[in-house]
C-alpha atoms as a PDB file:
ATOM      1  CA  MET A   1       6.335 -12.459 -16.581  1.00  0.00           C
ATOM      2  CA  LEU A   2       7.958 -14.412 -13.753  1.00  0.00           C
ATOM      3  CA  CYS A   3       8.431 -18.159 -13.882  1.00  0.00           C
ATOM      4  CA  ALA A   4       6.812 -20.382 -11.235  1.00  0.00           C
ATOM      5  CA  ALA A   5      10.133 -20.820  -9.394  1.00  0.00           C
ATOM      6  CA  CYS A   6      10.505 -17.033  -9.006  1.00  0.00           C
ATOM      7  CA  VAL A   7       6.962 -16.686  -7.669  1.00  0.00           C
ATOM      8  CA  VAL A   8       7.608 -19.433  -5.103  1.00  0.00           C
ATOM      9  CA  ALA A   9      10.962 -17.858  -4.182  1.00  0.00           C
ATOM     10  CA  ALA A  10       9.321 -14.447  -3.736  1.00  0.00           C
ATOM     11  CA  ALA A  11       6.688 -15.953  -1.439  1.00  0.00           C
ATOM     12  CA  MET A  12       9.422 -17.626   0.644  1.00  0.00           C
ATOM     13  CA  LEU A  13      11.360 -14.366   0.802  1.00  0.00           C
ATOM     14  CA  PHE A  14       8.261 -12.508   1.952  1.00  0.00           C
ATOM     15  CA  ALA A  15       7.862 -14.996   4.813  1.00  0.00           C
ATOM     16  CA  ALA A  16      11.555 -14.689   5.694  1.00  0.00           C
ATOM     17  CA  ARG A  17      11.360 -10.956   6.385  1.00  0.00           C
ATOM     18  CA  THR A  18      10.421 -11.538  10.024  1.00  0.00           C
ATOM     19  CA  GLU A  19      13.513 -13.613  10.854  1.00  0.00           C
ATOM     20  CA  PRO A  20      15.940 -12.037  13.360  1.00  0.00           C
ATOM     21  CA  HIS A  21      19.321 -10.629  12.412  1.00  0.00           C
ATOM     22  CA  HIS A  22      22.288 -12.987  12.365  1.00  0.00           C
ATOM     23  CA  ARG A  23      26.003 -12.404  12.344  1.00  0.00           C
ATOM     24  CA  PHE A  24      27.493 -12.130   8.857  1.00  0.00           C
ATOM     25  CA  GLN A  25      29.500 -15.257   7.978  1.00  0.00           C
ATOM     26  CA  GLY A  26      31.169 -14.255   4.713  1.00  0.00           C
ATOM     27  CA  GLN A  27      30.018 -17.231   2.617  1.00  0.00           C
ATOM     28  CA  LEU A  28      27.041 -19.488   2.103  1.00  0.00           C
ATOM     29  CA  ASN A  29      27.204 -21.667   5.200  1.00  0.00           C
ATOM     30  CA  ASN A  30      24.460 -22.887   7.543  1.00  0.00           C
ATOM     31  CA  GLY A  31      21.882 -20.538   6.048  1.00  0.00           C
ATOM     32  CA  PHE A  32      24.096 -17.465   6.012  1.00  0.00           C
ATOM     33  CA  VAL A  33      24.691 -15.859   2.675  1.00  0.00           C
ATOM     34  CA  SER A  34      27.816 -14.346   1.204  1.00  0.00           C
ATOM     35  CA  VAL A  35      27.904 -10.788   0.049  1.00  0.00           C
ATOM     36  CA  SER A  36      29.936  -9.791  -2.983  1.00  0.00           C
ATOM     37  CA  ALA A  37      33.659  -9.224  -2.559  1.00  0.00           C
ATOM     38  CA  ALA A  38      32.905  -5.700  -3.787  1.00  0.00           C
ATOM     39  CA  TRP A  39      31.290  -5.047  -0.410  1.00  0.00           C
ATOM     40  CA  LYS A  40      33.946  -3.269   1.610  1.00  0.00           C
ATOM     41  CA  SER A  41      31.917  -1.418   4.216  1.00  0.00           C
ATOM     42  CA  GLY A  42      32.727  -3.657   7.184  1.00  0.00           C
ATOM     43  CA  ALA A  43      29.205  -4.085   8.578  1.00  0.00           C
ATOM     44  CA  ASP A  44      28.850  -7.294  10.546  1.00  0.00           C
ATOM     45  CA  THR A  45      25.102  -7.895  10.631  1.00  0.00           C
ATOM     46  CA  LEU A  46      22.971  -8.892   7.679  1.00  0.00           C
ATOM     47  CA  ARG A  47      19.687 -10.731   7.385  1.00  0.00           C
ATOM     48  CA  PRO A  48      20.161 -14.204   5.845  1.00  0.00           C
ATOM     49  CA  PRO A  49      17.671 -15.503   3.322  1.00  0.00           C
ATOM     50  CA  ARG A  50      15.473 -18.481   4.121  1.00  0.00           C
ATOM     51  CA  GLN A  51      16.870 -21.622   2.445  1.00  0.00           C
ATOM     52  CA  ALA A  52      18.983 -19.665  -0.032  1.00  0.00           C
ATOM     53  CA  PRO A  53      20.181 -21.794  -2.950  1.00  0.00           C
ATOM     54  CA  GLN A  54      23.860 -21.581  -3.891  1.00  0.00           C
ATOM     55  CA  LYS A  55      22.910 -21.047  -7.529  1.00  0.00           C
ATOM     56  CA  ALA A  56      19.804 -19.178  -8.574  1.00  0.00           C
ATOM     57  CA  THR A  57      17.390 -21.409 -10.459  1.00  0.00           C
ATOM     58  CA  CYS A  58      16.200 -18.482 -12.571  1.00  0.00           C
ATOM     59  CA  ARG A  59      16.471 -14.744 -12.870  1.00  0.00           C
ATOM     60  CA  PRO A  60      13.489 -12.561 -13.714  1.00  0.00           C
ATOM     61  CA  ILE A  61      15.381 -11.069 -16.659  1.00  0.00           C
ATOM     62  CA  ASP A  62      18.227 -12.265 -18.826  1.00  0.00           C
ATOM     63  CA  CYS A  63      21.312 -10.126 -18.431  1.00  0.00           C
ATOM     64  CA  GLU A  64      25.043 -10.679 -18.023  1.00  0.00           C
ATOM     65  CA  THR A  65      25.540  -8.161 -15.228  1.00  0.00           C
ATOM     66  CA  PRO A  66      24.909  -8.039 -11.478  1.00  0.00           C
ATOM     67  CA  LEU A  67      21.179  -7.765 -10.862  1.00  0.00           C
ATOM     68  CA  ALA A  68      19.075  -6.252  -8.074  1.00  0.00           C
ATOM     69  CA  VAL A  69      15.403  -7.289  -8.278  1.00  0.00           C
ATOM     70  CA  ILE A  70      12.750  -5.452  -6.293  1.00  0.00           C
ATOM     71  CA  PHE A  71       9.595  -7.544  -5.866  1.00  0.00           C
ATOM     72  CA  ARG A  72       7.068  -4.832  -4.994  1.00  0.00           C
ATOM     73  CA  GLU A  73       4.245  -7.251  -4.214  1.00  0.00           C
ATOM     74  CA  ALA A  74       6.401  -9.220  -1.752  1.00  0.00           C
ATOM     75  CA  GLN A  75       8.333  -6.117  -0.546  1.00  0.00           C
ATOM     76  CA  THR A  76      11.565  -8.052  -1.041  1.00  0.00           C
ATOM     77  CA  LEU A  77      14.926  -7.248  -2.623  1.00  0.00           C
ATOM     78  CA  VAL A  78      16.929 -10.064  -4.264  1.00  0.00           C
ATOM     79  CA  LEU A  79      20.536  -9.642  -5.427  1.00  0.00           C
ATOM     80  CA  TYR A  80      22.336 -11.768  -8.040  1.00  0.00           C
ATOM     81  CA  GLU A  81      25.947 -11.786  -9.240  1.00  0.00           C
ATOM     82  CA  ALA A  82      26.597 -11.522 -12.997  1.00  0.00           C
ATOM     83  CA  SER A  83      27.111 -15.310 -13.023  1.00  0.00           C
ATOM     84  CA  GLY A  84      23.511 -15.780 -11.862  1.00  0.00           C
ATOM     85  CA  SER A  85      24.497 -16.802  -8.325  1.00  0.00           C
ATOM     86  CA  LEU A  86      22.206 -15.579  -5.598  1.00  0.00           C
ATOM     87  CA  VAL A  87      23.958 -13.018  -3.384  1.00  0.00           C
ATOM     88  CA  ALA A  88      21.260 -12.262  -0.799  1.00  0.00           C
ATOM     89  CA  THR A  89      17.624 -11.437  -0.128  1.00  0.00           C
ATOM     90  CA  TYR A  90      16.299  -8.685   2.114  1.00  0.00           C
ATOM     91  CA  PRO A  91      12.966  -7.242   3.205  1.00  0.00           C
ATOM     92  CA  CYS A  92      12.318  -3.753   1.882  1.00  0.00           C
ATOM     93  CA  SER A  93       9.604  -1.121   1.651  1.00  0.00           C
ATOM     94  CA  THR A  94       8.695   0.575  -1.590  1.00  0.00           C
ATOM     95  CA  GLY A  95       6.154   3.216  -2.368  1.00  0.00           C
ATOM     96  CA  VAL A  96       2.662   2.399  -3.562  1.00  0.00           C
ATOM     97  CA  TYR A  97       3.309   3.948  -7.003  1.00  0.00           C
ATOM     98  CA  TYR A  98       7.112   4.139  -7.172  1.00  0.00           C
ATOM     99  CA  PRO A  99       9.456   2.809  -8.203  1.00  0.00           C
ATOM    100  CA  ARG A 100       7.551   1.901 -11.330  1.00  0.00           C
ATOM    101  CA  PRO A 101       8.096  -1.546 -12.857  1.00  0.00           C
ATOM    102  CA  GLY A 102      10.979  -1.568 -15.289  1.00  0.00           C
ATOM    103  CA  ARG A 103      14.719  -1.791 -15.769  1.00  0.00           C
ATOM    104  CA  TYR A 104      17.056   0.842 -14.305  1.00  0.00           C
ATOM    105  CA  ARG A 105      20.744   1.662 -13.853  1.00  0.00           C
ATOM    106  CA  LEU A 106      22.664   3.639 -11.245  1.00  0.00           C
ATOM    107  CA  ILE A 107      22.247   7.412 -11.553  1.00  0.00           C
ATOM    108  CA  GLY A 108      24.206   8.524  -8.500  1.00  0.00           C
ATOM    109  CA  ARG A 109      24.908   8.226  -4.788  1.00  0.00           C
ATOM    110  CA  ARG A 110      24.531  10.421  -1.720  1.00  0.00           C
ATOM    111  CA  ARG A 111      26.050   9.430   1.617  1.00  0.00           C
ATOM    112  CA  SER A 112      23.081  10.959   3.450  1.00  0.00           C
ATOM    113  CA  SER A 113      19.974  12.855   2.503  1.00  0.00           C
ATOM    114  CA  SER A 114      16.532  13.866   3.727  1.00  0.00           C
ATOM    115  CA  SER A 115      12.967  13.611   2.556  1.00  0.00           C
ATOM    116  CA  PRO A 116      11.592  16.694   0.805  1.00  0.00           C
ATOM    117  CA  TRP A 117       8.166  15.858   2.310  1.00  0.00           C
ATOM    118  CA  ASP A 118       8.691  15.265   6.025  1.00  0.00           C
ATOM    119  CA  GLY A 119      12.344  16.131   6.730  1.00  0.00           C
ATOM    120  CA  SER A 120      13.213  12.593   7.859  1.00  0.00           C
ATOM    121  CA  ARG A 121      16.879  11.652   7.354  1.00  0.00           C
ATOM    122  CA  PHE A 122      18.364   8.549   5.779  1.00  0.00           C
ATOM    123  CA  GLU A 123      21.781   7.164   4.872  1.00  0.00           C
ATOM    124  CA  TYR A 124      23.474   5.535   1.864  1.00  0.00           C
ATOM    125  CA  PHE A 125      21.173   6.808  -0.873  1.00  0.00           C
ATOM    126  CA  THR A 126      21.795   4.889  -4.127  1.00  0.00           C
ATOM    127  CA  VAL A 127      19.729   6.661  -6.811  1.00  0.00           C
ATOM    128  CA  PHE A 128      18.445   4.743  -9.841  1.00  0.00           C
ATOM    129  CA  ALA A 129      15.322   6.619 -11.034  1.00  0.00           C
ATOM    130  CA  LYS A 130      13.416   9.904 -10.952  1.00  0.00           C
ATOM    131  CA  SER A 131       9.729  10.488 -10.255  1.00  0.00           C
ATOM    132  CA  HIS A 132       7.479  12.395 -12.647  1.00  0.00           C
ATOM    133  CA  ARG A 133       8.386  15.494 -10.610  1.00  0.00           C
ATOM    134  CA  GLY A 134      12.124  14.847 -10.914  1.00  0.00           C
ATOM    135  CA  THR A 135      12.560  13.634  -7.326  1.00  0.00           C
ATOM    136  CA  ALA A 136      15.353  11.086  -6.891  1.00  0.00           C
ATOM    137  CA  ILE A 137      14.272   7.474  -6.261  1.00  0.00           C
ATOM    138  CA  GLY A 138      16.637   4.835  -4.954  1.00  0.00           C
ATOM    139  CA  PHE A 139      17.730   2.528  -2.164  1.00  0.00           C
ATOM    140  CA  HIS A 140      18.419   3.997   1.274  1.00  0.00           C
ATOM    141  CA  SER A 141      18.254   3.160   4.969  1.00  0.00           C
ATOM    142  CA  VAL A 142      14.980   3.314   6.870  1.00  0.00           C
ATOM    143  CA  PRO A 143      14.443   7.044   7.516  1.00  0.00           C
ATOM    144  CA  VAL A 144      14.493   8.413  11.038  1.00  0.00           C
ATOM    145  CA  ASP A 145      12.496  11.375  12.272  1.00  0.00           C
ATOM    146  CA  ARG A 146      13.945  14.376  14.091  1.00  0.00           C
ATOM    147  CA  ALA A 147      13.915  12.402  17.364  1.00  0.00           C
ATOM    148  CA  GLY A 148      15.925   9.571  15.747  1.00  0.00           C
ATOM    149  CA  SER A 149      13.064   7.042  15.616  1.00  0.00           C
ATOM    150  CA  PRO A 150      12.403   4.951  12.482  1.00  0.00           C
ATOM    151  CA  VAL A 151       9.437   6.360  10.570  1.00  0.00           C
ATOM    152  CA  ALA A 152       7.901   3.011   9.518  1.00  0.00           C
ATOM    153  CA  PRO A 153       8.678  -0.721   9.519  1.00  0.00           C
ATOM    154  CA  LEU A 154       9.954  -2.672   6.514  1.00  0.00           C
ATOM    155  CA  GLY A 155       7.750  -5.050   4.553  1.00  0.00           C
ATOM    156  CA  GLU A 156       4.944  -2.653   3.644  1.00  0.00           C
ATOM    157  CA  ALA A 157       4.579  -0.209   0.762  1.00  0.00           C
ATOM    158  CA  ASN A 158       4.938   2.873   2.952  1.00  0.00           C
ATOM    159  CA  SER A 159       7.690   4.995   1.392  1.00  0.00           C
ATOM    160  CA  HIS A 160       7.215   8.052  -0.794  1.00  0.00           C
ATOM    161  CA  GLY A 161       8.725   6.040  -3.652  1.00  0.00           C
ATOM    162  CA  CYS A 162      12.208   4.947  -2.646  1.00  0.00           C
ATOM    163  CA  VAL A 163      13.218   1.451  -1.601  1.00  0.00           C
ATOM    164  CA  ARG A 164      13.894   1.411   2.133  1.00  0.00           C
ATOM    165  CA  VAL A 165      16.194  -1.252   3.585  1.00  0.00           C
ATOM    166  CA  GLU A 166      18.020  -1.738   6.877  1.00  0.00           C
ATOM    167  CA  LEU A 167      21.097   0.453   7.439  1.00  0.00           C
ATOM    168  CA  ASP A 168      23.626  -2.379   6.937  1.00  0.00           C
ATOM    169  CA  VAL A 169      21.924  -3.388   3.694  1.00  0.00           C
ATOM    170  CA  ALA A 170      21.821   0.220   2.454  1.00  0.00           C
ATOM    171  CA  ARG A 171      25.555   0.514   3.185  1.00  0.00           C
ATOM    172  CA  MET A 172      26.262  -2.714   1.280  1.00  0.00           C
ATOM    173  CA  LEU A 173      24.118  -1.649  -1.719  1.00  0.00           C
ATOM    174  CA  TYR A 174      25.876   1.718  -1.793  1.00  0.00           C
ATOM    175  CA  ASP A 175      29.143  -0.149  -2.444  1.00  0.00           C
ATOM    176  CA  TRP A 176      27.817  -3.182  -4.384  1.00  0.00           C
ATOM    177  CA  ILE A 177      25.747  -1.434  -7.060  1.00  0.00           C
ATOM    178  CA  ASP A 178      27.802   0.074  -9.864  1.00  0.00           C
ATOM    179  CA  SER A 179      27.111   1.384 -13.362  1.00  0.00           C
ATOM    180  CA  ASP A 180      26.901  -2.184 -14.738  1.00  0.00           C
ATOM    181  CA  THR A 181      24.288  -3.365 -12.223  1.00  0.00           C
ATOM    182  CA  VAL A 182      20.756  -3.758 -13.557  1.00  0.00           C
ATOM    183  CA  ILE A 183      18.013  -2.774 -11.126  1.00  0.00           C
ATOM    184  CA  TYR A 184      14.753  -4.457 -12.073  1.00  0.00           C
ATOM    185  CA  VAL A 185      11.413  -3.617 -10.472  1.00  0.00           C
ATOM    186  CA  THR A 186       8.485  -6.031 -10.669  1.00  0.00           C
ATOM    187  CA  MET A 187       4.891  -5.611  -9.573  1.00  0.00           C
END
């Protein structure tokens, strides 16, 4: 069960998904949010959260590790450091049925992969679950079709089960998430 502050934050994050990209600033300053020092990929564009607090007022679960929370209803990803500090928020797209609500840990990574259903390609696949058929589920960039066009926009439950994010975010997650990171999926 989420506290009232988390529900309000999720609603704000949902509204923030339409904001334009901004240049990465490296620390919380004028609405730009810092990304963990563990992020070493060198990307220079990230989407800042709307009115991001410097310290998270609550976390959906109590844990002493870095935390990635996927709010399926709001189609939003929220990252926290082990200290509880908010790292960043991003729009995402999940599947209608997957990932299922629960607590997960990193299973593996693939620099690039493709969909077994439509052949679309994606980058920076960070696997944290398996479907009932054994298909890998995780974070990755928005897939592109054979012509190189994105297959669907973010913010809607339109994936086959993975959590789609923008390429720069997928690259950051690929480096940021480690075996200690808890990945928590809500409804």
